[in-house]
């Protein structure tokens, strides 16, 4: 469960980076630029929506792979 939540945020940040690149918004180099970038991202709500969709897609992808992973079953010892 924890791995899916962590990977959701990782995929969401990847989606945010892709959307910012598409809108040609450069990532901040220091903290003073971060507020400027946040104001630019707030102008385009589709950036946050795209990042959310990428995060949910990453969550579903990881959940799919974890459900398909075979589990080890303890066998009964035959005496």
C-alpha atoms as a PDB file:
ATOM      1  CA  UNK A   1       0.000   0.000   0.000  1.00  0.00           C
ATOM      2  CA  UNK A   2       2.782   2.419   0.873  1.00  0.00           C
ATOM      3  CA  UNK A   3       4.613   1.798  -2.396  1.00  0.00           C
ATOM      4  CA  UNK A   4       1.517   2.686  -4.424  1.00  0.00           C
ATOM      5  CA  UNK A   5       1.070   5.985  -2.575  1.00  0.00           C
ATOM      6  CA  UNK A   6       4.730   6.902  -3.005  1.00  0.00           C
ATOM      7  CA  UNK A   7       4.670   6.003  -6.686  1.00  0.00           C
ATOM      8  CA  UNK A   8       1.469   8.025  -7.148  1.00  0.00           C
ATOM      9  CA  UNK A   9       3.350  11.145  -6.046  1.00  0.00           C
ATOM     10  CA  UNK A  10       6.351  10.239  -8.207  1.00  0.00           C
ATOM     11  CA  UNK A  11       4.167   9.816 -11.293  1.00  0.00           C
ATOM     12  CA  UNK A  12       2.280  13.006 -10.458  1.00  0.00           C
ATOM     13  CA  UNK A  13       5.536  14.972 -10.315  1.00  0.00           C
ATOM     14  CA  UNK A  14       6.555  13.451 -13.662  1.00  0.00           C
ATOM     15  CA  UNK A  15       3.225  14.576 -15.126  1.00  0.00           C
ATOM     16  CA  UNK A  16       3.696  18.040 -13.657  1.00  0.00           C
ATOM     17  CA  UNK A  17       7.136  18.270 -15.223  1.00  0.00           C
ATOM     18  CA  UNK A  18       5.822  17.154 -18.605  1.00  0.00           C
ATOM     19  CA  UNK A  19       2.964  19.653 -18.514  1.00  0.00           C
ATOM     20  CA  UNK A  20       5.267  22.483 -17.438  1.00  0.00           C
ATOM     21  CA  UNK A  21       7.616  21.617 -20.274  1.00  0.00           C
ATOM     22  CA  UNK A  22       4.714  21.629 -22.722  1.00  0.00           C
ATOM     23  CA  UNK A  23       3.686  25.120 -21.560  1.00  0.00           C
ATOM     24  CA  UNK A  24       7.368  26.143 -21.605  1.00  0.00           C
ATOM     25  CA  UNK A  25       7.546  26.933 -17.881  1.00  0.00           C
ATOM     26  CA  UNK A  26      11.064  26.287 -16.601  1.00  0.00           C
ATOM     27  CA  UNK A  27      11.536  24.578 -13.219  1.00  0.00           C
ATOM     28  CA  UNK A  28      12.724  26.845 -10.375  1.00  0.00           C
ATOM     29  CA  UNK A  29      16.434  27.063  -9.634  1.00  0.00           C
ATOM     30  CA  UNK A  30      15.970  28.428  -6.126  1.00  0.00           C
ATOM     31  CA  UNK A  31      13.188  29.097  -3.621  1.00  0.00           C
ATOM     32  CA  UNK A  32      12.560  32.700  -4.671  1.00  0.00           C
ATOM     33  CA  UNK A  33      11.648  31.505  -8.166  1.00  0.00           C
ATOM     34  CA  UNK A  34       9.342  28.794  -6.824  1.00  0.00           C
ATOM     35  CA  UNK A  35       6.608  31.295  -5.953  1.00  0.00           C
ATOM     36  CA  UNK A  36       6.832  32.756  -9.452  1.00  0.00           C
ATOM     37  CA  UNK A  37       6.482  29.273 -10.960  1.00  0.00           C
ATOM     38  CA  UNK A  38       3.515  28.510  -8.680  1.00  0.00           C
ATOM     39  CA  UNK A  39       1.755  31.648  -9.944  1.00  0.00           C
ATOM     40  CA  UNK A  40       2.444  30.621 -13.552  1.00  0.00           C
ATOM     41  CA  UNK A  41       1.111  27.097 -12.959  1.00  0.00           C
ATOM     42  CA  UNK A  42      -2.000  28.544 -11.280  1.00  0.00           C
ATOM     43  CA  UNK A  43      -2.798  30.354 -14.540  1.00  0.00           C
ATOM     44  CA  UNK A  44      -3.160  26.994 -16.307  1.00  0.00           C
ATOM     45  CA  UNK A  45      -5.440  24.597 -14.390  1.00  0.00           C
ATOM     46  CA  UNK A  46      -4.964  21.943 -17.076  1.00  0.00           C
ATOM     47  CA  UNK A  47      -1.400  21.464 -15.829  1.00  0.00           C
ATOM     48  CA  UNK A  48      -2.624  20.273 -12.433  1.00  0.00           C
ATOM     49  CA  UNK A  49      -5.358  18.174 -14.039  1.00  0.00           C
ATOM     50  CA  UNK A  50      -2.857  16.481 -16.352  1.00  0.00           C
ATOM     51  CA  UNK A  51      -0.497  15.815 -13.444  1.00  0.00           C
ATOM     52  CA  UNK A  52      -3.373  14.279 -11.472  1.00  0.00           C
ATOM     53  CA  UNK A  53      -4.312  11.984 -14.380  1.00  0.00           C
ATOM     54  CA  UNK A  54      -0.701  10.862 -14.791  1.00  0.00           C
ATOM     55  CA  UNK A  55      -0.508  10.193 -11.041  1.00  0.00           C
ATOM     56  CA  UNK A  56      -3.694   8.087 -11.081  1.00  0.00           C
ATOM     57  CA  UNK A  57      -2.455   6.238 -14.176  1.00  0.00           C
ATOM     58  CA  UNK A  58       0.827   5.456 -12.448  1.00  0.00           C
ATOM     59  CA  UNK A  59      -1.037   4.246  -9.374  1.00  0.00           C
ATOM     60  CA  UNK A  60      -3.219   1.929 -11.477  1.00  0.00           C
ATOM     61  CA  UNK A  61      -0.184   0.634 -13.375  1.00  0.00           C
ATOM     62  CA  UNK A  62       1.713  -0.200 -10.193  1.00  0.00           C
ATOM     63  CA  UNK A  63      -1.377  -1.770  -8.613  1.00  0.00           C
ATOM     64  CA  UNK A  64      -1.840  -3.931 -11.723  1.00  0.00           C
ATOM     65  CA  UNK A  65       1.753  -5.172 -11.565  1.00  0.00           C
ATOM     66  CA  UNK A  66       1.530  -5.845  -7.822  1.00  0.00           C
ATOM     67  CA  UNK A  67      -1.687  -7.847  -8.235  1.00  0.00           C
ATOM     68  CA  UNK A  68      -0.134  -9.968 -10.993  1.00  0.00           C
ATOM     69  CA  UNK A  69       2.969 -10.693  -8.926  1.00  0.00           C
ATOM     70  CA  UNK A  70       2.856 -14.307  -7.762  1.00  0.00           C
ATOM     71  CA  UNK A  71       2.714 -14.790  -4.028  1.00  0.00           C
ATOM     72  CA  UNK A  72       4.686 -17.418  -2.208  1.00  0.00           C
ATOM     73  CA  UNK A  73       2.461 -19.900  -0.421  1.00  0.00           C
ATOM     74  CA  UNK A  74       3.695 -21.849   2.535  1.00  0.00           C
ATOM     75  CA  UNK A  75       3.372 -25.514   1.825  1.00  0.00           C
ATOM     76  CA  UNK A  76       2.224 -27.929   4.476  1.00  0.00           C
ATOM     77  CA  UNK A  77       5.052 -30.170   5.556  1.00  0.00           C
ATOM     78  CA  UNK A  78       4.329 -33.721   4.603  1.00  0.00           C
ATOM     79  CA  UNK A  79       5.470 -36.035   7.375  1.00  0.00           C
END
